[in-house]
Amino acid sequence: MEWFLVVYFLIKGSWIEADKLGKEGWSPITQPNYKICIQKINESNKRFIKIAEYRETELDIMFKCECRINLDQPNQINCKPRNWVQKIYDKLFLIE
């Protein structure tokens, strides 16, 4: 299990994973640890917020860090899902 940066698109009121939509180049990307994954999410969110503001449209993309099984290395364990205390901490101090 490893940390992945996963992209979601807002389509007809529902968040759908980009990889499941068959969007080329939007597959989940492995990250070395949770902290780096959160940093990349914050950078990406800032970038896409600026693009949405410039185009005067609603933001229809979301990034998440998810602990998933890496199909290339299924026996490697590099993460575990966050508990509710950690998720609250993340929202208060890590996710911008």
N, C-alpha and C. Protein backbone atom coordinates (compact mmCIF):
# COMPACT_ATOMS: atom_id res chain seq x y z
N MET A 1 0.85 -1.17 0.00
CA MET A 1 0.00 0.00 0.00
C MET A 1 0.90 1.23 0.00
N GLU A 2 0.52 2.20 -0.81
CA GLU A 2 1.29 3.42 -0.91
C GLU A 2 0.35 4.61 -1.03
N TRP A 3 0.91 5.82 -0.81
CA TRP A 3 0.13 7.03 -0.97
C TRP A 3 0.08 7.40 -2.45
N PHE A 4 -1.13 7.71 -2.91
CA PHE A 4 -1.35 8.13 -4.29
C PHE A 4 -2.02 9.49 -4.30
N LEU A 5 -1.59 10.33 -5.22
CA LEU A 5 -2.28 11.59 -5.49
C LEU A 5 -3.33 11.26 -6.55
N VAL A 6 -4.61 11.43 -6.19
CA VAL A 6 -5.71 11.03 -7.06
C VAL A 6 -6.50 12.27 -7.47
N VAL A 7 -6.87 12.33 -8.75
CA VAL A 7 -7.60 13.47 -9.30
C VAL A 7 -9.06 13.09 -9.51
N TYR A 8 -9.96 14.00 -9.11
CA TYR A 8 -11.39 13.81 -9.31
C TYR A 8 -11.95 14.99 -10.11
N PHE A 9 -12.92 14.71 -10.97
CA PHE A 9 -13.62 15.75 -11.71
C PHE A 9 -15.08 15.80 -11.27
N LEU A 10 -15.63 17.00 -11.21
CA LEU A 10 -17.04 17.18 -10.87
C LEU A 10 -17.85 17.06 -12.17
N ILE A 11 -18.65 16.00 -12.24
CA ILE A 11 -19.45 15.75 -13.44
C ILE A 11 -20.90 15.51 -13.02
N LYS A 12 -21.78 16.36 -13.49
CA LYS A 12 -23.22 16.27 -13.18
C LYS A 12 -23.46 16.17 -11.68
N GLY A 13 -22.72 16.95 -10.89
CA GLY A 13 -22.94 17.02 -9.45
C GLY A 13 -22.26 15.94 -8.64
N SER A 14 -21.46 15.06 -9.27
CA SER A 14 -20.77 13.99 -8.55
C SER A 14 -19.28 14.04 -8.83
N TRP A 15 -18.48 13.75 -7.80
CA TRP A 15 -17.04 13.68 -7.99
C TRP A 15 -16.67 12.29 -8.48
N ILE A 16 -16.04 12.22 -9.66
CA ILE A 16 -15.68 10.94 -10.27
C ILE A 16 -14.18 10.93 -10.52
N GLU A 17 -13.54 9.82 -10.16
CA GLU A 17 -12.10 9.71 -10.35
C GLU A 17 -11.75 9.81 -11.83
N ALA A 18 -10.75 10.63 -12.14
CA ALA A 18 -10.35 10.88 -13.53
C ALA A 18 -9.93 9.60 -14.23
N ASP A 19 -9.26 8.72 -13.52
CA ASP A 19 -8.80 7.47 -14.11
C ASP A 19 -9.97 6.61 -14.58
N LYS A 20 -11.08 6.64 -13.86
CA LYS A 20 -12.26 5.86 -14.24
C LYS A 20 -12.99 6.45 -15.43
N LEU A 21 -12.71 7.73 -15.71
CA LEU A 21 -13.32 8.38 -16.87
C LEU A 21 -12.51 8.12 -18.14
N GLY A 22 -11.35 7.53 -17.97
CA GLY A 22 -10.49 7.25 -19.12
C GLY A 22 -9.76 8.48 -19.62
N LYS A 23 -9.63 9.48 -18.76
CA LYS A 23 -8.91 10.70 -19.14
C LYS A 23 -7.41 10.39 -19.18
N GLU A 24 -6.80 10.58 -20.32
CA GLU A 24 -5.39 10.28 -20.47
C GLU A 24 -4.53 11.27 -19.69
N GLY A 25 -3.55 10.75 -18.96
CA GLY A 25 -2.63 11.59 -18.21
C GLY A 25 -3.11 11.97 -16.82
N TRP A 26 -4.24 11.44 -16.37
CA TRP A 26 -4.79 11.79 -15.06
C TRP A 26 -4.83 10.59 -14.12
N SER A 27 -3.98 9.60 -14.35
CA SER A 27 -3.94 8.42 -13.48
C SER A 27 -3.35 8.77 -12.12
N PRO A 28 -3.71 8.03 -11.07
CA PRO A 28 -3.13 8.27 -9.75
C PRO A 28 -1.60 8.14 -9.79
N ILE A 29 -0.92 9.02 -9.04
CA ILE A 29 0.54 9.04 -9.02
C ILE A 29 1.02 8.69 -7.62
N THR A 30 1.95 7.74 -7.53
CA THR A 30 2.48 7.36 -6.21
C THR A 30 3.32 8.49 -5.63
N GLN A 31 3.25 8.61 -4.32
CA GLN A 31 4.00 9.63 -3.59
C GLN A 31 4.82 8.93 -2.50
N PRO A 32 6.01 9.46 -2.18
CA PRO A 32 6.87 8.78 -1.19
C PRO A 32 6.29 8.76 0.22
N ASN A 33 5.50 9.80 0.58
CA ASN A 33 4.89 9.81 1.92
C ASN A 33 3.69 10.77 1.92
N TYR A 34 2.97 10.76 3.03
CA TYR A 34 1.74 11.56 3.13
C TYR A 34 2.02 13.06 3.08
N LYS A 35 3.08 13.49 3.74
CA LYS A 35 3.38 14.92 3.80
C LYS A 35 3.67 15.49 2.41
N ILE A 36 4.44 14.79 1.61
CA ILE A 36 4.73 15.25 0.25
C ILE A 36 3.47 15.23 -0.59
N CYS A 37 2.63 14.23 -0.40
CA CYS A 37 1.36 14.16 -1.13
C CYS A 37 0.50 15.38 -0.83
N ILE A 38 0.39 15.76 0.44
CA ILE A 38 -0.39 16.94 0.84
C ILE A 38 0.21 18.21 0.24
N GLN A 39 1.54 18.32 0.23
CA GLN A 39 2.19 19.50 -0.36
C GLN A 39 1.84 19.62 -1.84
N LYS A 40 1.85 18.50 -2.55
CA LYS A 40 1.53 18.53 -3.98
C LYS A 40 0.06 18.87 -4.21
N ILE A 41 -0.82 18.40 -3.32
CA ILE A 41 -2.23 18.75 -3.42
C ILE A 41 -2.41 20.25 -3.25
N ASN A 42 -1.77 20.82 -2.23
CA ASN A 42 -1.89 22.26 -1.99
C ASN A 42 -1.38 23.07 -3.18
N GLU A 43 -0.24 22.67 -3.77
CA GLU A 43 0.30 23.36 -4.94
C GLU A 43 -0.68 23.26 -6.13
N SER A 44 -1.20 22.06 -6.36
CA SER A 44 -2.12 21.86 -7.49
C SER A 44 -3.41 22.64 -7.29
N ASN A 45 -3.95 22.63 -6.07
CA ASN A 45 -5.19 23.37 -5.81
C ASN A 45 -5.00 24.85 -6.07
N LYS A 46 -3.87 25.42 -5.62
CA LYS A 46 -3.60 26.85 -5.86
C LYS A 46 -3.55 27.14 -7.36
N ARG A 47 -2.86 26.28 -8.09
CA ARG A 47 -2.73 26.46 -9.54
C ARG A 47 -4.09 26.42 -10.24
N PHE A 48 -4.91 25.43 -9.91
CA PHE A 48 -6.20 25.29 -10.58
C PHE A 48 -7.21 26.35 -10.13
N ILE A 49 -7.09 26.84 -8.90
CA ILE A 49 -7.94 27.94 -8.45
C ILE A 49 -7.63 29.19 -9.27
N LYS A 50 -6.35 29.46 -9.51
CA LYS A 50 -5.97 30.62 -10.33
C LYS A 50 -6.50 30.48 -11.75
N ILE A 51 -6.41 29.28 -12.31
CA ILE A 51 -6.93 29.05 -13.66
C ILE A 51 -8.42 29.28 -13.71
N ALA A 52 -9.16 28.76 -12.71
CA ALA A 52 -10.62 28.93 -12.68
C ALA A 52 -11.00 30.40 -12.53
N GLU A 53 -10.26 31.13 -11.68
CA GLU A 53 -10.54 32.56 -11.51
C GLU A 53 -10.28 33.32 -12.80
N TYR A 54 -9.18 33.00 -13.48
CA TYR A 54 -8.84 33.67 -14.73
C TYR A 54 -9.91 33.43 -15.79
N ARG A 55 -10.38 32.18 -15.86
CA ARG A 55 -11.41 31.84 -16.85
C ARG A 55 -12.82 32.17 -16.39
N GLU A 56 -12.93 32.62 -15.14
CA GLU A 56 -14.23 32.96 -14.54
C GLU A 56 -15.20 31.78 -14.62
N THR A 57 -14.70 30.61 -14.20
CA THR A 57 -15.53 29.41 -14.16
C THR A 57 -15.45 28.78 -12.77
N GLU A 58 -16.34 27.83 -12.52
CA GLU A 58 -16.30 27.10 -11.25
C GLU A 58 -15.18 26.07 -11.28
N LEU A 59 -14.60 25.84 -10.13
CA LEU A 59 -13.55 24.84 -10.02
C LEU A 59 -14.20 23.46 -10.06
N ASP A 60 -13.83 22.64 -11.03
CA ASP A 60 -14.46 21.32 -11.19
C ASP A 60 -13.44 20.18 -11.09
N ILE A 61 -12.36 20.45 -10.36
CA ILE A 61 -11.32 19.44 -10.18
C ILE A 61 -10.92 19.41 -8.71
N MET A 62 -10.64 18.19 -8.20
CA MET A 62 -10.27 18.03 -6.79
C MET A 62 -9.14 17.01 -6.70
N PHE A 63 -8.22 17.25 -5.80
CA PHE A 63 -7.09 16.35 -5.58
C PHE A 63 -7.19 15.77 -4.18
N LYS A 64 -6.88 14.45 -4.06
CA LYS A 64 -6.90 13.78 -2.75
C LYS A 64 -5.70 12.86 -2.63
N CYS A 65 -5.24 12.68 -1.39
CA CYS A 65 -4.23 11.66 -1.09
C CYS A 65 -4.97 10.43 -0.60
N GLU A 66 -4.69 9.31 -1.24
CA GLU A 66 -5.37 8.08 -0.84
C GLU A 66 -4.34 6.97 -0.67
N CYS A 67 -4.54 6.17 0.36
CA CYS A 67 -3.70 5.01 0.62
C CYS A 67 -4.30 3.83 -0.15
N ARG A 68 -3.56 3.36 -1.16
CA ARG A 68 -4.06 2.31 -2.03
C ARG A 68 -3.01 1.23 -2.24
N ILE A 69 -3.47 0.10 -2.74
CA ILE A 69 -2.55 -0.97 -3.11
C ILE A 69 -1.87 -0.60 -4.42
N ASN A 70 -0.55 -0.69 -4.43
CA ASN A 70 0.21 -0.43 -5.65
C ASN A 70 0.28 -1.74 -6.42
N LEU A 71 -0.33 -1.77 -7.60
CA LEU A 71 -0.38 -3.00 -8.38
C LEU A 71 1.00 -3.43 -8.87
N ASP A 72 1.92 -2.47 -9.00
CA ASP A 72 3.28 -2.81 -9.43
C ASP A 72 4.08 -3.47 -8.31
N GLN A 73 3.80 -3.08 -7.05
CA GLN A 73 4.49 -3.64 -5.88
C GLN A 73 3.46 -3.95 -4.79
N PRO A 74 2.65 -5.01 -4.99
CA PRO A 74 1.54 -5.28 -4.07
C PRO A 74 1.95 -5.63 -2.64
N ASN A 75 3.17 -6.09 -2.42
CA ASN A 75 3.59 -6.50 -1.08
C ASN A 75 4.21 -5.37 -0.27
N GLN A 76 4.47 -4.23 -0.90
CA GLN A 76 5.08 -3.10 -0.20
C GLN A 76 4.01 -2.33 0.57
N ILE A 77 4.31 -2.02 1.83
CA ILE A 77 3.39 -1.25 2.66
C ILE A 77 4.09 0.04 3.07
N ASN A 78 3.58 1.16 2.56
CA ASN A 78 4.18 2.46 2.81
C ASN A 78 3.18 3.42 3.45
N CYS A 79 2.00 2.93 3.75
CA CYS A 79 0.98 3.81 4.34
C CYS A 79 -0.10 3.00 5.02
N LYS A 80 -0.94 3.71 5.75
CA LYS A 80 -2.17 3.14 6.29
C LYS A 80 -3.19 4.27 6.29
N PRO A 81 -4.47 3.96 6.12
CA PRO A 81 -5.49 5.01 6.08
C PRO A 81 -5.46 5.88 7.34
N ARG A 82 -5.79 7.16 7.16
CA ARG A 82 -5.79 8.11 8.28
C ARG A 82 -7.03 7.90 9.14
N ASN A 83 -6.86 8.00 10.48
CA ASN A 83 -8.02 7.89 11.37
C ASN A 83 -8.71 9.25 11.48
N TRP A 84 -9.81 9.33 12.21
CA TRP A 84 -10.62 10.56 12.24
C TRP A 84 -9.87 11.72 12.90
N VAL A 85 -9.02 11.45 13.90
CA VAL A 85 -8.24 12.51 14.55
C VAL A 85 -7.24 13.09 13.55
N GLN A 86 -6.56 12.21 12.81
CA GLN A 86 -5.60 12.66 11.82
C GLN A 86 -6.28 13.47 10.71
N LYS A 87 -7.47 13.06 10.31
CA LYS A 87 -8.20 13.77 9.25
C LYS A 87 -8.58 15.19 9.71
N ILE A 88 -8.97 15.34 10.97
CA ILE A 88 -9.29 16.68 11.51
C ILE A 88 -8.02 17.53 11.54
N TYR A 89 -6.92 16.95 12.00
CA TYR A 89 -5.63 17.67 12.02
C TYR A 89 -5.26 18.13 10.60
N ASP A 90 -5.42 17.22 9.64
CA ASP A 90 -5.11 17.55 8.24
C ASP A 90 -5.90 18.76 7.77
N LYS A 91 -7.20 18.77 8.03
CA LYS A 91 -8.05 19.87 7.57
C LYS A 91 -7.70 21.19 8.26
N LEU A 92 -7.30 21.12 9.52
CA LEU A 92 -6.98 22.34 10.26
C LEU A 92 -5.60 22.90 9.93
N PHE A 93 -4.62 22.01 9.72
CA PHE A 93 -3.24 22.49 9.64
C PHE A 93 -2.50 22.18 8.34
N LEU A 94 -2.90 21.17 7.61
CA LEU A 94 -2.11 20.76 6.44
C LEU A 94 -2.73 21.17 5.11
N ILE A 95 -4.01 20.90 4.94
CA ILE A 95 -4.67 21.16 3.66
C ILE A 95 -5.06 22.63 3.58
N GLU A 96 -4.55 23.29 2.54
CA GLU A 96 -4.83 24.72 2.38
C GLU A 96 -6.07 24.96 1.54
